[in-house]
C-alpha atoms as a PDB file:
ATOM      1  CA  UNK A   1     -76.658  31.599 -16.928  1.00  0.00           C
ATOM      2  CA  UNK A   2     -74.776  34.827 -17.422  1.00  0.00           C
ATOM      3  CA  UNK A   3     -72.578  35.574 -20.375  1.00  0.00           C
ATOM      4  CA  UNK A   4     -68.851  34.779 -20.102  1.00  0.00           C
ATOM      5  CA  UNK A   5     -69.010  32.473 -17.078  1.00  0.00           C
ATOM      6  CA  UNK A   6     -65.941  31.679 -14.952  1.00  0.00           C
ATOM      7  CA  UNK A   7     -63.426  29.210 -16.371  1.00  0.00           C
ATOM      8  CA  UNK A   8     -64.565  26.438 -14.026  1.00  0.00           C
ATOM      9  CA  UNK A   9     -68.140  26.709 -15.305  1.00  0.00           C
ATOM     10  CA  UNK A  10     -66.983  26.837 -18.917  1.00  0.00           C
ATOM     11  CA  UNK A  11     -64.915  23.697 -18.381  1.00  0.00           C
ATOM     12  CA  UNK A  12     -67.852  21.871 -16.820  1.00  0.00           C
ATOM     13  CA  UNK A  13     -70.005  22.790 -19.840  1.00  0.00           C
ATOM     14  CA  UNK A  14     -67.508  21.479 -22.394  1.00  0.00           C
ATOM     15  CA  UNK A  15     -68.866  17.900 -22.609  1.00  0.00           C
ATOM     16  CA  UNK A  16     -72.314  19.290 -23.414  1.00  0.00           C
ATOM     17  CA  UNK A  17     -70.890  21.728 -25.971  1.00  0.00           C
ATOM     18  CA  UNK A  18     -69.168  18.805 -27.685  1.00  0.00           C
ATOM     19  CA  UNK A  19     -72.189  16.490 -27.529  1.00  0.00           C
ATOM     20  CA  UNK A  20     -74.793  18.916 -28.884  1.00  0.00           C
ATOM     21  CA  UNK A  21     -72.943  19.396 -32.189  1.00  0.00           C
ATOM     22  CA  UNK A  22     -72.623  15.720 -33.066  1.00  0.00           C
ATOM     23  CA  UNK A  23     -73.664  15.179 -36.702  1.00  0.00           C
ATOM     24  CA  UNK A  24     -76.453  12.829 -35.654  1.00  0.00           C
ATOM     25  CA  UNK A  25     -78.073  15.720 -33.774  1.00  0.00           C
ATOM     26  CA  UNK A  26     -77.292  18.551 -36.197  1.00  0.00           C
ATOM     27  CA  UNK A  27     -78.678  16.539 -39.114  1.00  0.00           C
ATOM     28  CA  UNK A  28     -81.436  14.706 -37.285  1.00  0.00           C
ATOM     29  CA  UNK A  29     -84.558  13.915 -39.313  1.00  0.00           C
ATOM     30  CA  UNK A  30     -87.101  14.985 -36.686  1.00  0.00           C
ATOM     31  CA  UNK A  31     -88.088  18.682 -36.849  1.00  0.00           C
ATOM     32  CA  UNK A  32     -88.648  18.918 -33.098  1.00  0.00           C
ATOM     33  CA  UNK A  33     -85.200  17.503 -32.332  1.00  0.00           C
ATOM     34  CA  UNK A  34     -83.641  19.984 -34.759  1.00  0.00           C
ATOM     35  CA  UNK A  35     -85.510  22.845 -33.116  1.00  0.00           C
ATOM     36  CA  UNK A  36     -84.428  21.837 -29.620  1.00  0.00           C
ATOM     37  CA  UNK A  37     -80.807  21.414 -30.723  1.00  0.00           C
ATOM     38  CA  UNK A  38     -80.902  24.848 -32.397  1.00  0.00           C
ATOM     39  CA  UNK A  39     -82.372  26.348 -29.222  1.00  0.00           C
ATOM     40  CA  UNK A  40     -79.581  24.850 -27.103  1.00  0.00           C
ATOM     41  CA  UNK A  41     -76.900  26.025 -29.497  1.00  0.00           C
ATOM     42  CA  UNK A  42     -78.313  29.561 -29.475  1.00  0.00           C
ATOM     43  CA  UNK A  43     -78.043  29.570 -25.695  1.00  0.00           C
ATOM     44  CA  UNK A  44     -74.473  28.314 -25.954  1.00  0.00           C
ATOM     45  CA  UNK A  45     -73.572  31.113 -28.364  1.00  0.00           C
ATOM     46  CA  UNK A  46     -75.231  33.647 -26.063  1.00  0.00           C
ATOM     47  CA  UNK A  47     -73.296  32.387 -23.049  1.00  0.00           C
ATOM     48  CA  UNK A  48     -69.945  32.164 -24.825  1.00  0.00           C
ATOM     49  CA  UNK A  49     -70.260  35.408 -26.852  1.00  0.00           C
ATOM     50  CA  UNK A  50     -68.236  37.126 -28.131  1.00  0.00           C
ATOM     51  CA  UNK A  51     -66.058  34.010 -28.501  1.00  0.00           C
ATOM     52  CA  UNK A  52     -67.172  31.362 -30.974  1.00  0.00           C
ATOM     53  CA  UNK A  53     -67.247  28.007 -29.171  1.00  0.00           C
ATOM     54  CA  UNK A  54     -66.901  25.957 -32.361  1.00  0.00           C
ATOM     55  CA  UNK A  55     -64.706  25.627 -35.435  1.00  0.00           C
ATOM     56  CA  UNK A  56     -65.719  27.219 -38.734  1.00  0.00           C
ATOM     57  CA  UNK A  57     -66.902  23.907 -40.203  1.00  0.00           C
ATOM     58  CA  UNK A  58     -69.124  23.187 -37.201  1.00  0.00           C
ATOM     59  CA  UNK A  59     -70.454  26.752 -37.289  1.00  0.00           C
ATOM     60  CA  UNK A  60     -71.483  26.271 -40.924  1.00  0.00           C
ATOM     61  CA  UNK A  61     -73.453  23.150 -39.971  1.00  0.00           C
ATOM     62  CA  UNK A  62     -75.010  25.049 -37.062  1.00  0.00           C
ATOM     63  CA  UNK A  63     -76.097  27.899 -39.324  1.00  0.00           C
ATOM     64  CA  UNK A  64     -77.676  25.413 -41.750  1.00  0.00           C
ATOM     65  CA  UNK A  65     -79.644  23.981 -38.853  1.00  0.00           C
ATOM     66  CA  UNK A  66     -80.707  27.390 -37.553  1.00  0.00           C
ATOM     67  CA  UNK A  67     -81.765  28.755 -40.934  1.00  0.00           C
ATOM     68  CA  UNK A  68     -83.778  25.580 -41.470  1.00  0.00           C
ATOM     69  CA  UNK A  69     -85.789  26.298 -38.327  1.00  0.00           C
ATOM     70  CA  UNK A  70     -86.985  29.639 -39.683  1.00  0.00           C
ATOM     71  CA  UNK A  71     -89.410  28.033 -42.132  1.00  0.00           C
ATOM     72  CA  UNK A  72     -91.593  27.232 -39.116  1.00  0.00           C
ATOM     73  CA  UNK A  73     -92.074  30.941 -38.384  1.00  0.00           C
ATOM     74  CA  UNK A  74     -95.095  30.882 -40.686  1.00  0.00           C
ATOM     75  CA  UNK A  75     -96.984  28.803 -38.108  1.00  0.00           C
ATOM     76  CA  UNK A  76     -97.611  31.615 -35.629  1.00  0.00           C
ATOM     77  CA  UNK A  77    -100.112  29.568 -33.653  1.00  0.00           C
ATOM     78  CA  UNK A  78     -97.929  26.489 -33.383  1.00  0.00           C
ATOM     79  CA  UNK A  79     -96.443  25.293 -30.106  1.00  0.00           C
ATOM     80  CA  UNK A  80     -92.863  25.877 -31.273  1.00  0.00           C
ATOM     81  CA  UNK A  81     -93.339  29.410 -32.619  1.00  0.00           C
ATOM     82  CA  UNK A  82     -91.919  31.002 -29.450  1.00  0.00           C
ATOM     83  CA  UNK A  83     -88.741  28.941 -29.637  1.00  0.00           C
ATOM     84  CA  UNK A  84     -88.229  29.935 -33.253  1.00  0.00           C
ATOM     85  CA  UNK A  85     -88.642  33.605 -32.356  1.00  0.00           C
ATOM     86  CA  UNK A  86     -86.097  33.268 -29.532  1.00  0.00           C
ATOM     87  CA  UNK A  87     -83.620  31.704 -31.979  1.00  0.00           C
ATOM     88  CA  UNK A  88     -84.193  34.605 -34.380  1.00  0.00           C
ATOM     89  CA  UNK A  89     -83.796  37.186 -31.599  1.00  0.00           C
ATOM     90  CA  UNK A  90     -80.568  35.557 -30.414  1.00  0.00           C
ATOM     91  CA  UNK A  91     -79.218  35.463 -33.959  1.00  0.00           C
ATOM     92  CA  UNK A  92     -79.990  39.174 -34.322  1.00  0.00           C
ATOM     93  CA  UNK A  93     -78.775  40.268 -30.883  1.00  0.00           C
ATOM     94  CA  UNK A  94     -75.372  38.620 -31.216  1.00  0.00           C
ATOM     95  CA  UNK A  95     -75.045  39.528 -34.901  1.00  0.00           C
ATOM     96  CA  UNK A  96     -74.515  35.977 -35.990  1.00  0.00           C
ATOM     97  CA  UNK A  97     -75.339  36.968 -39.560  1.00  0.00           C
ATOM     98  CA  UNK A  98     -71.989  38.759 -39.666  1.00  0.00           C
ATOM     99  CA  UNK A  99     -70.310  35.483 -38.741  1.00  0.00           C
ATOM    100  CA  UNK A 100     -72.249  33.785 -41.543  1.00  0.00           C
ATOM    101  CA  UNK A 101     -70.863  36.339 -43.978  1.00  0.00           C
ATOM    102  CA  UNK A 102     -67.346  35.943 -42.555  1.00  0.00           C
ATOM    103  CA  UNK A 103     -67.640  32.201 -43.177  1.00  0.00           C
ATOM    104  CA  UNK A 104     -68.761  32.972 -46.734  1.00  0.00           C
ATOM    105  CA  UNK A 105     -72.146  31.323 -46.254  1.00  0.00           C
ATOM    106  CA  UNK A 106     -73.667  33.630 -48.859  1.00  0.00           C
ATOM    107  CA  UNK A 107     -76.051  30.975 -50.172  1.00  0.00           C
ATOM    108  CA  UNK A 108     -77.284  30.404 -46.631  1.00  0.00           C
ATOM    109  CA  UNK A 109     -77.825  34.134 -46.066  1.00  0.00           C
ATOM    110  CA  UNK A 110     -79.839  34.231 -49.307  1.00  0.00           C
ATOM    111  CA  UNK A 111     -81.882  31.240 -48.169  1.00  0.00           C
ATOM    112  CA  UNK A 112     -82.521  32.905 -44.820  1.00  0.00           C
ATOM    113  CA  UNK A 113     -83.829  36.106 -46.394  1.00  0.00           C
ATOM    114  CA  UNK A 114     -85.879  34.164 -48.933  1.00  0.00           C
ATOM    115  CA  UNK A 115     -87.453  32.285 -46.039  1.00  0.00           C
ATOM    116  CA  UNK A 116     -88.197  35.568 -44.254  1.00  0.00           C
ATOM    117  CA  UNK A 117     -89.873  37.006 -47.345  1.00  0.00           C
ATOM    118  CA  UNK A 118     -91.897  33.824 -47.848  1.00  0.00           C
ATOM    119  CA  UNK A 119     -93.000  33.794 -44.217  1.00  0.00           C
ATOM    120  CA  UNK A 120     -93.877  37.512 -44.319  1.00  0.00           C
END
């Protein structure tokens, strides 16, 4: 799907946008579920960029989820490595780290870089 779709497409996507950020999905215990939710949310942010599709509080929960997926980058041979890389590329391409700083998620930014250094 292209970025900034027509209003009719955006409206038809709204139920999914609302459902994917339910707390039971964002804070799910299963790593694979978390990874798939993070992947979907990254696609949503790509499609809706430059507009943020969620409130600041929901974005903070999303960034916690996304940063948590980066610990799996150390498993380069694992089946989910490619998804993690796509999440990282999307985060970089759409400069989501700037949004994290705007939301004053400084501890989360520190955790993200600590994870990167550990993985490297």
